[in-house]
Amino acid sequence: MLDIASEVIQAECPSCKNMLEYTLRQISEEAIITCSCGENIQLVDEKKMAEKTIGIDNLLDKNMDHLLQSLAVK
């Protein structure tokens, strides 16, 4: 199954415009990432959308596993 929390997101550093990479999980944890220029960037999940997306993905995975198991039994 796809682990959406580990999907890589890219954005520019606000100071030097270098491309930064971080994951949806890092956003939900509101991690601090550091650019190669030394700028520390606090990730913010303002409306908890990253956290909700990860939760929905986990629920869908569980439901899919249950469905596949029930189909295998028949």
C-alpha atoms as a PDB file:
ATOM      1  CA  MET A   1       0.000   0.000   0.000  1.00  0.00           C
ATOM      2  CA  LEU A   2       1.031   3.582  -0.548  1.00  0.00           C
ATOM      3  CA  ASP A   3       2.322   5.320   2.573  1.00  0.00           C
ATOM      4  CA  ILE A   4       1.114   8.852   1.932  1.00  0.00           C
ATOM      5  CA  ALA A   5       2.829  10.151   5.084  1.00  0.00           C
ATOM      6  CA  SER A   6       6.201   9.368   3.478  1.00  0.00           C
ATOM      7  CA  GLU A   7       5.483  11.104   0.197  1.00  0.00           C
ATOM      8  CA  VAL A   8       8.078  13.791  -0.556  1.00  0.00           C
ATOM      9  CA  ILE A   9       6.962  17.389  -1.032  1.00  0.00           C
ATOM     10  CA  GLN A  10       9.198  20.074  -2.515  1.00  0.00           C
ATOM     11  CA  ALA A  11       9.179  23.809  -1.882  1.00  0.00           C
ATOM     12  CA  GLU A  12      11.598  26.711  -2.135  1.00  0.00           C
ATOM     13  CA  CYS A  13      13.526  28.049   0.828  1.00  0.00           C
ATOM     14  CA  PRO A  14      12.147  31.543   1.504  1.00  0.00           C
ATOM     15  CA  SER A  15      15.681  32.902   1.976  1.00  0.00           C
ATOM     16  CA  CYS A  16      17.825  31.432  -0.803  1.00  0.00           C
ATOM     17  CA  LYS A  17      15.239  29.744  -3.103  1.00  0.00           C
ATOM     18  CA  ASN A  18      16.969  26.321  -2.856  1.00  0.00           C
ATOM     19  CA  MET A  19      14.567  23.411  -3.231  1.00  0.00           C
ATOM     20  CA  LEU A  20      13.718  21.753   0.076  1.00  0.00           C
ATOM     21  CA  GLU A  21      12.240  18.297   0.513  1.00  0.00           C
ATOM     22  CA  TYR A  22      10.049  17.178   3.394  1.00  0.00           C
ATOM     23  CA  THR A  23       7.246  14.711   3.989  1.00  0.00           C
ATOM     24  CA  LEU A  24       3.600  14.978   4.920  1.00  0.00           C
ATOM     25  CA  ARG A  25       4.523  13.323   8.229  1.00  0.00           C
ATOM     26  CA  GLN A  26       7.032  16.131   8.936  1.00  0.00           C
ATOM     27  CA  ILE A  27       4.274  18.680   8.312  1.00  0.00           C
ATOM     28  CA  SER A  28       1.866  16.876  10.637  1.00  0.00           C
ATOM     29  CA  GLU A  29       4.591  16.783  13.310  1.00  0.00           C
ATOM     30  CA  GLU A  30       5.355  20.468  12.639  1.00  0.00           C
ATOM     31  CA  ALA A  31       9.039  19.656  12.309  1.00  0.00           C
ATOM     32  CA  ILE A  32      11.807  22.185  11.795  1.00  0.00           C
ATOM     33  CA  ILE A  33      13.800  21.605   8.615  1.00  0.00           C
ATOM     34  CA  THR A  34      17.123  23.258   7.846  1.00  0.00           C
ATOM     35  CA  CYS A  35      18.124  24.491   4.413  1.00  0.00           C
ATOM     36  CA  SER A  36      21.712  24.204   3.193  1.00  0.00           C
ATOM     37  CA  CYS A  37      21.929  28.009   3.557  1.00  0.00           C
ATOM     38  CA  GLY A  38      21.389  27.568   7.312  1.00  0.00           C
ATOM     39  CA  GLU A  39      17.802  28.855   7.401  1.00  0.00           C
ATOM     40  CA  ASN A  40      15.592  26.930   9.868  1.00  0.00           C
ATOM     41  CA  ILE A  41      12.020  26.564   8.642  1.00  0.00           C
ATOM     42  CA  GLN A  42       9.202  25.595  11.006  1.00  0.00           C
ATOM     43  CA  LEU A  43       6.605  23.514   9.177  1.00  0.00           C
ATOM     44  CA  VAL A  44       3.067  24.306  10.302  1.00  0.00           C
ATOM     45  CA  ASP A  45      -0.052  22.187   9.872  1.00  0.00           C
ATOM     46  CA  GLU A  46      -2.438  25.126  10.412  1.00  0.00           C
ATOM     47  CA  LYS A  47      -5.737  23.338   9.980  1.00  0.00           C
ATOM     48  CA  LYS A  48      -4.345  19.892  10.815  1.00  0.00           C
ATOM     49  CA  MET A  49      -4.959  18.874   7.194  1.00  0.00           C
ATOM     50  CA  ALA A  50      -1.739  16.829   6.965  1.00  0.00           C
ATOM     51  CA  GLU A  51      -2.667  14.982  10.149  1.00  0.00           C
ATOM     52  CA  LYS A  52      -6.213  14.367   8.880  1.00  0.00           C
ATOM     53  CA  THR A  53      -4.945  13.178   5.488  1.00  0.00           C
ATOM     54  CA  ILE A  54      -2.611  10.673   7.132  1.00  0.00           C
ATOM     55  CA  GLY A  55      -5.461   9.473   9.370  1.00  0.00           C
ATOM     56  CA  ILE A  56      -7.803   9.007   6.412  1.00  0.00           C
ATOM     57  CA  ASP A  57      -5.077   7.161   4.489  1.00  0.00           C
ATOM     58  CA  ASN A  58      -4.498   4.810   7.446  1.00  0.00           C
ATOM     59  CA  LEU A  59      -8.241   4.147   7.728  1.00  0.00           C
ATOM     60  CA  LEU A  60      -8.490   3.409   4.001  1.00  0.00           C
ATOM     61  CA  ASP A  61      -5.553   0.992   4.260  1.00  0.00           C
ATOM     62  CA  LYS A  62      -7.254  -0.871   7.121  1.00  0.00           C
ATOM     63  CA  ASN A  63     -10.536  -1.038   5.219  1.00  0.00           C
ATOM     64  CA  MET A  64      -8.751  -2.274   2.089  1.00  0.00           C
ATOM     65  CA  ASP A  65      -6.938  -4.963   4.088  1.00  0.00           C
ATOM     66  CA  HIS A  66     -10.248  -6.089   5.609  1.00  0.00           C
ATOM     67  CA  LEU A  67     -11.904  -6.181   2.183  1.00  0.00           C
ATOM     68  CA  LEU A  68      -9.066  -8.198   0.664  1.00  0.00           C
ATOM     69  CA  GLN A  69      -9.139 -10.665   3.554  1.00  0.00           C
ATOM     70  CA  SER A  70     -12.900 -11.135   3.218  1.00  0.00           C
ATOM     71  CA  LEU A  71     -12.568 -11.743  -0.531  1.00  0.00           C
ATOM     72  CA  ALA A  72      -9.786 -14.288   0.010  1.00  0.00           C
ATOM     73  CA  VAL A  73     -11.942 -16.293   2.425  1.00  0.00           C
ATOM     74  CA  LYS A  74     -14.772 -16.828  -0.077  1.00  0.00           C
END
